[in-house]
Protein backbone atom coordinates (compact mmCIF):
# COMPACT_ATOMS: atom_id res chain seq x y z
CA MET A 1 209.74 -125.24 -33.50
CA THR A 2 206.87 -127.90 -35.08
CA LYS A 3 205.34 -128.51 -31.45
CA LYS A 4 204.84 -125.55 -30.78
CA LEU A 5 203.19 -123.72 -33.65
CA PRO A 6 199.68 -125.60 -33.32
CA ILE A 7 199.49 -124.68 -29.47
CA SER A 8 200.27 -120.90 -30.41
CA ILE A 9 197.83 -121.12 -33.15
CA ILE A 10 194.93 -122.50 -31.19
CA VAL A 11 195.70 -120.12 -28.15
CA ILE A 12 195.21 -117.14 -30.88
CA GLY A 13 192.62 -118.52 -31.51
CA VAL A 14 190.81 -118.99 -28.43
CA ILE A 15 192.40 -115.35 -27.66
CA VAL A 16 189.82 -114.12 -31.14
CA LEU A 17 187.06 -116.10 -29.90
CA SER A 18 187.08 -114.40 -25.79
CA PHE A 19 187.05 -111.00 -27.93
CA GLY A 20 184.42 -111.66 -30.30
CA ILE A 21 182.24 -112.84 -27.07
CA ILE A 22 183.33 -109.62 -25.15
CA PHE A 23 182.35 -107.34 -28.57
CA HIS A 24 179.21 -109.22 -28.39
CA LEU A 25 177.92 -109.03 -25.06
CA GLN A 26 178.97 -105.05 -24.97
CA GLY A 27 176.85 -104.86 -27.84
CA GLN A 28 173.97 -106.13 -26.33
CA GLY A 29 174.31 -104.03 -23.13
CA VAL A 30 175.35 -107.01 -21.13
CA ILE A 31 178.65 -106.28 -20.30
CA GLY A 32 180.62 -103.18 -20.20
CA PRO A 33 180.50 -99.40 -19.07
CA GLN A 34 177.77 -97.63 -20.29
CA GLU A 35 179.81 -94.99 -21.56
CA SER A 36 181.33 -96.98 -24.27
CA PHE A 37 180.56 -96.52 -28.02
CA MET A 38 180.17 -100.27 -28.10
CA TYR A 39 177.80 -100.58 -25.53
CA GLU A 40 174.02 -101.66 -26.79
CA ASN A 41 175.56 -100.89 -30.14
CA PRO A 42 173.25 -103.28 -32.76
CA ASN A 43 176.70 -102.91 -34.79
CA TRP A 44 178.62 -104.97 -32.23
CA ILE A 45 176.69 -107.55 -31.87
CA THR A 46 177.36 -108.81 -35.44
CA TYR A 47 180.68 -107.74 -35.39
CA GLY A 48 181.41 -109.88 -32.07
CA GLN A 49 179.93 -112.94 -33.76
CA GLN A 50 181.75 -112.55 -36.99
CA ILE A 51 185.09 -112.07 -35.07
CA ALA A 52 184.20 -114.91 -32.68
CA VAL A 53 183.44 -117.40 -35.76
CA ILE A 54 187.01 -116.37 -36.82
CA GLY A 55 188.47 -117.65 -33.65
CA ILE A 56 186.52 -120.79 -34.20
CA LEU A 57 188.67 -121.05 -37.87
CA ILE A 58 191.96 -120.13 -36.14
CA ILE A 59 190.95 -123.26 -33.61
CA GLY A 60 190.11 -125.23 -36.48
CA VAL A 61 192.92 -124.81 -38.41
CA GLY A 62 195.46 -124.96 -35.46
CA ILE A 63 194.24 -128.48 -34.63
CA GLY A 64 194.20 -129.18 -38.21
CA VAL A 65 198.03 -128.63 -38.11
CA LYS A 66 198.56 -130.64 -34.79
CA ILE A 67 196.60 -133.72 -36.51
CA TYR A 68 199.33 -133.14 -39.12
CA PHE A 69 201.91 -133.05 -37.39
CA THR A 70 201.14 -135.74 -35.13
CA LYS A 71 200.44 -138.18 -38.70
CA LYS A 72 203.34 -137.03 -40.14
CA ARG A 73 205.43 -138.48 -37.29
């Protein structure tokens, strides 16, 4: 169980980071359908950046947990 926990946290962080990048790019009008409420919406540029930072923090926590369990052995 303890081996899978850090990997799961890191995977969740990568998914959140990916969503943040996608939202940011949609807010800039780089990707996504033009009919989307997120397309070229400056709010979603900021939201995407914030979500990406949260994803990076989650990845950092996952790496920290992995290091903790590695040193504990």
